[in-house]
Amino acid sequence: MTLLATVATAADAPSCYSRLTNEWFCAQYLHDRQDQLVDATVEHIQITLIAIVVSVLIAFPLALLARRLPRLEAGILGLSTAVYTIPSLALLPLLVPFTDLSRTTVVIGLALYALTILVRSVLEGLRSVPEEVRESATGLGYGTTRRLFRIELPLALPVMMAGLRVATVSTVALTTIGTIVSYGGLGNLISDGVQTNFRAELMAASIICVLLAVVLDLLIVGAQWVLTPWTRGVSTP
């Protein structure tokens, strides 16, 4: 009786769950594992956004320091680039003794990786502001800080936002490496799908990861459109 029940259950199960077919696309999997997919996606978004915010908060003052003190520029850019060359399989374990197996470990690692892009984009954005604009602002009585936030940053925003887009999309992909410390969001499902050769799980997590990168990129483009109204309708020759 037990054998018959087992056979009946196996016959009723979706074909994509069978190791014989192991389909890449399975609607039943999305339904059965909906909660798991949602939890992994939420964790992926949280880690990505926190890492980007932390990286921006670090990159901005570093870029300002490099711009104010040119002799430090090579060192700052070199250091941020050197961090990016550290393999993720090595960086996270190096952080574990200080942050344990936690989400913080992944956030710090991703924030350090994003510095390579963000420091350069902020610095190049500020350099893109014409010198005559700075001189005009100074002539109108703008101090250094007021000129930075009222004149230079708005004009540098397009270049900075371009760097933010690249950093965000790359961080969405890199968040998956957090599975090394069990905080990889969708990376946990991708890793499990690879280890168990469960194609539906691997494909679903990968597609959601790509869609997440696209959505975040579009949100940044929309934010740039709102924050830089003077660039609307400007055509490039």
Protein backbone atom coordinates (compact mmCIF):
# COMPACT_ATOMS: atom_id res chain seq x y z
CA MET A 1 0.00 0.00 0.00
CA THR A 2 2.85 2.35 0.89
CA LEU A 3 4.61 1.57 -2.39
CA LEU A 4 1.44 2.34 -4.35
CA ALA A 5 1.02 5.63 -2.50
CA THR A 6 4.62 6.59 -3.25
CA VAL A 7 4.18 5.78 -6.93
CA ALA A 8 0.95 7.77 -7.05
CA THR A 9 2.60 10.76 -5.37
CA ALA A 10 5.50 10.64 -7.82
CA ALA A 11 3.07 10.46 -10.71
CA ASP A 12 1.18 13.52 -9.43
CA ALA A 13 4.36 15.58 -8.95
CA PRO A 14 5.35 18.09 -11.65
CA SER A 15 7.63 16.63 -14.29
CA CYS A 16 10.23 19.34 -13.67
CA TYR A 17 10.82 17.86 -10.21
CA SER A 18 11.84 14.55 -11.76
CA ARG A 19 15.52 13.91 -12.29
CA LEU A 20 14.58 12.21 -15.55
CA THR A 21 13.20 15.36 -17.18
CA ASN A 22 14.66 18.13 -14.96
CA GLU A 23 13.09 20.96 -16.97
CA TRP A 24 14.58 24.45 -16.98
CA PHE A 25 11.22 26.19 -16.79
CA CYS A 26 8.58 25.04 -14.32
CA ALA A 27 5.55 27.12 -13.35
CA GLN A 28 4.70 24.70 -10.55
CA TYR A 29 8.08 25.37 -8.94
CA LEU A 30 7.34 29.10 -8.86
CA HIS A 31 4.06 28.34 -7.10
CA ASP A 32 5.41 25.78 -4.65
CA ARG A 33 8.52 27.77 -3.70
CA GLN A 34 6.97 31.24 -3.86
CA ASP A 35 7.78 32.13 -0.26
CA GLN A 36 11.36 30.95 -0.67
CA LEU A 37 11.83 33.00 -3.83
CA VAL A 38 10.31 36.11 -2.26
CA ASP A 39 12.49 35.84 0.85
CA ALA A 40 15.63 35.36 -1.25
CA THR A 41 14.73 38.31 -3.49
CA VAL A 42 14.04 40.61 -0.53
CA GLU A 43 17.35 39.65 1.07
CA HIS A 44 19.13 40.22 -2.26
CA ILE A 45 17.62 43.70 -2.60
CA GLN A 46 18.44 44.66 0.97
CA ILE A 47 22.07 43.59 0.74
CA THR A 48 22.52 45.30 -2.63
CA LEU A 49 20.99 48.63 -1.60
CA ILE A 50 22.77 48.79 1.76
CA ALA A 51 26.10 48.01 0.09
CA ILE A 52 25.58 50.74 -2.53
CA VAL A 53 24.59 53.33 0.08
CA VAL A 54 27.63 52.49 2.23
CA SER A 55 29.90 52.64 -0.81
CA VAL A 56 28.52 56.04 -1.87
CA LEU A 57 29.06 57.41 1.65
CA ILE A 58 32.69 56.28 1.47
CA ALA A 59 33.36 57.15 -2.19
CA PHE A 60 32.08 60.73 -2.00
CA PRO A 61 34.53 62.04 0.62
CA LEU A 62 37.37 60.06 -0.95
CA ALA A 63 36.69 61.68 -4.32
CA LEU A 64 36.51 65.13 -2.72
CA LEU A 65 39.80 64.48 -0.95
CA ALA A 66 41.45 63.34 -4.19
CA ARG A 67 40.19 66.45 -5.96
CA ARG A 68 41.30 68.84 -3.22
CA LEU A 69 44.69 67.17 -2.76
CA PRO A 70 45.88 65.99 -6.21
CA ARG A 71 48.96 64.33 -4.74
CA LEU A 72 46.66 61.82 -3.01
CA GLU A 73 44.61 61.04 -6.11
CA ALA A 74 46.85 58.27 -7.43
CA GLY A 75 46.95 56.59 -4.04
CA ILE A 76 43.18 56.76 -3.52
CA LEU A 77 42.36 55.47 -7.00
CA GLY A 78 45.05 52.81 -6.75
CA LEU A 79 43.76 51.58 -3.40
CA SER A 80 40.14 51.38 -4.56
CA THR A 81 41.24 49.49 -7.68
CA ALA A 82 43.48 47.14 -5.68
CA VAL A 83 40.53 46.09 -3.51
CA TYR A 84 38.60 45.08 -6.63
CA THR A 85 41.40 42.71 -7.64
CA ILE A 86 40.95 40.63 -4.47
CA PRO A 87 38.95 37.51 -5.38
CA SER A 88 35.57 37.38 -3.70
CA LEU A 89 36.30 33.84 -2.53
CA ALA A 90 39.17 35.32 -0.53
CA LEU A 91 37.74 38.68 0.54
CA LEU A 92 34.70 37.40 2.41
CA PRO A 93 36.62 34.78 4.42
CA LEU A 94 39.12 37.50 5.32
CA LEU A 95 36.29 39.59 6.77
CA VAL A 96 34.65 36.73 8.68
CA PRO A 97 37.01 36.90 11.72
CA PHE A 98 35.91 40.53 12.23
CA THR A 99 32.22 40.38 11.27
CA ASP A 100 31.37 36.67 11.70
CA LEU A 101 29.07 34.81 9.29
CA SER A 102 26.63 37.67 8.88
CA ARG A 103 25.01 39.97 6.36
CA THR A 104 27.50 42.65 7.41
CA THR A 105 30.32 40.59 5.93
CA VAL A 106 28.68 40.60 2.51
CA VAL A 107 27.72 44.30 2.69
CA ILE A 108 31.28 45.38 3.53
CA GLY A 109 32.76 43.26 0.75
CA LEU A 110 30.33 44.57 -1.87
CA ALA A 111 30.77 48.18 -0.71
CA LEU A 112 34.53 47.87 -1.11
CA TYR A 113 34.16 46.43 -4.61
CA ALA A 114 31.82 49.26 -5.67
CA LEU A 115 34.38 51.88 -4.61
CA THR A 116 36.39 51.24 -7.76
CA ILE A 117 33.55 52.55 -9.91
CA LEU A 118 32.02 55.15 -7.61
CA VAL A 119 35.20 57.00 -6.61
CA ARG A 120 36.16 57.45 -10.25
CA SER A 121 32.67 58.48 -11.35
CA VAL A 122 32.35 61.12 -8.61
CA LEU A 123 35.81 62.47 -9.39
CA GLU A 124 35.18 62.56 -13.14
CA GLY A 125 31.78 64.13 -12.60
CA LEU A 126 33.27 66.99 -10.61
CA ARG A 127 35.97 67.43 -13.24
CA SER A 128 33.31 67.71 -15.95
CA VAL A 129 32.09 71.00 -14.46
CA PRO A 130 33.53 73.83 -16.60
CA GLU A 131 36.08 75.98 -14.80
CA GLU A 132 34.34 79.15 -15.94
CA VAL A 133 31.20 78.00 -14.13
CA ARG A 134 33.16 77.65 -10.89
CA GLU A 135 34.72 81.08 -11.39
CA SER A 136 31.32 82.64 -12.05
CA ALA A 137 29.88 81.05 -8.91
CA THR A 138 32.81 82.31 -6.86
CA GLY A 139 32.32 85.79 -8.33
CA LEU A 140 28.66 85.69 -7.25
CA GLY A 141 29.74 85.11 -3.66
CA TYR A 142 29.44 81.31 -3.40
CA GLY A 143 31.73 79.76 -0.82
CA THR A 144 33.48 76.46 -1.43
CA THR A 145 30.86 74.29 0.27
CA ARG A 146 27.87 76.19 -1.11
CA ARG A 147 29.34 76.13 -4.61
CA LEU A 148 29.92 72.39 -4.34
CA PHE A 149 26.35 71.52 -3.39
CA ARG A 150 24.48 74.20 -5.34
CA ILE A 151 26.52 74.37 -8.56
CA GLU A 152 29.07 71.60 -9.04
CA LEU A 153 27.17 68.53 -7.84
CA PRO A 154 24.03 69.21 -9.93
CA LEU A 155 26.19 69.64 -13.05
CA ALA A 156 28.25 66.55 -12.21
CA LEU A 157 25.17 64.44 -11.55
CA PRO A 158 24.83 62.85 -15.03
CA VAL A 159 28.36 61.44 -14.91
CA MET A 160 27.98 60.36 -11.29
CA MET A 161 24.65 58.66 -12.00
CA ALA A 162 26.21 56.76 -14.90
CA GLY A 163 28.78 55.37 -12.50
CA LEU A 164 26.07 54.57 -9.96
CA ARG A 165 24.18 52.57 -12.59
CA VAL A 166 27.24 50.45 -13.38
CA ALA A 167 28.04 49.95 -9.69
CA THR A 168 24.46 48.95 -8.86
CA VAL A 169 24.11 46.44 -11.68
CA SER A 170 27.47 44.86 -10.88
CA THR A 171 26.59 44.72 -7.18
CA VAL A 172 23.35 42.88 -7.96
CA ALA A 173 25.44 40.20 -9.65
CA LEU A 174 28.14 40.16 -6.98
CA THR A 175 25.61 39.81 -4.16
CA THR A 176 25.26 36.17 -5.16
CA ILE A 177 28.77 35.47 -3.81
CA GLY A 178 27.34 36.03 -0.34
CA THR A 179 26.27 32.42 -0.44
CA ILE A 180 29.80 31.68 0.83
CA VAL A 181 28.64 32.93 4.24
CA SER A 182 24.99 31.91 3.72
CA TYR A 183 23.83 35.47 2.96
CA GLY A 184 23.69 35.54 -0.81
CA GLY A 185 20.02 36.21 -1.44
CA LEU A 186 19.23 34.64 -4.79
CA GLY A 187 22.77 33.31 -4.82
CA ASN A 188 21.76 30.75 -2.20
CA LEU A 189 19.16 29.34 -4.58
CA ILE A 190 21.57 29.43 -7.52
CA SER A 191 24.19 27.56 -5.49
CA ASP A 192 21.64 25.00 -4.35
CA GLY A 193 20.39 24.55 -7.90
CA VAL A 194 23.93 23.89 -9.12
CA GLN A 195 24.78 21.47 -6.33
CA THR A 196 21.56 19.48 -6.69
CA ASN A 197 21.33 19.89 -10.49
CA PHE A 198 17.83 21.34 -10.04
CA ARG A 199 17.43 23.31 -13.26
CA ALA A 200 14.12 25.00 -12.42
CA GLU A 201 15.56 26.49 -9.23
CA LEU A 202 18.75 27.62 -10.96
CA MET A 203 16.88 29.21 -13.86
CA ALA A 204 14.25 30.95 -11.71
CA ALA A 205 16.82 32.51 -9.37
CA SER A 206 19.03 33.60 -12.29
CA ILE A 207 16.16 35.25 -14.18
CA ILE A 208 14.96 37.09 -11.05
CA CYS A 209 18.52 38.32 -10.50
CA VAL A 210 18.68 39.71 -14.05
CA LEU A 211 15.24 41.32 -13.74
CA LEU A 212 16.27 42.89 -10.45
CA ALA A 213 19.33 44.46 -12.09
CA VAL A 214 17.18 45.83 -14.92
CA VAL A 215 14.58 47.29 -12.54
CA LEU A 216 17.17 49.00 -10.35
CA ASP A 217 18.92 50.39 -13.42
CA LEU A 218 15.62 51.83 -14.71
CA LEU A 219 14.90 53.35 -11.30
CA ILE A 220 18.26 55.14 -11.33
CA VAL A 221 17.61 56.39 -14.86
CA GLY A 222 14.23 57.69 -13.70
CA ALA A 223 15.81 59.39 -10.70
CA GLN A 224 18.36 61.05 -12.95
CA TRP A 225 15.58 62.26 -15.25
CA VAL A 226 13.80 63.85 -12.28
CA LEU A 227 16.94 65.36 -10.74
CA THR A 228 18.37 66.80 -13.97
CA PRO A 229 15.46 68.48 -15.77
CA TRP A 230 17.85 70.71 -17.73
CA THR A 231 19.14 67.69 -19.67
CA ARG A 232 15.73 66.70 -21.03
CA GLY A 233 15.39 67.03 -24.75
CA VAL A 234 19.10 67.70 -25.20
CA SER A 235 20.30 65.86 -28.30
CA THR A 236 23.85 64.85 -28.94
CA PRO A 237 25.32 65.64 -32.38
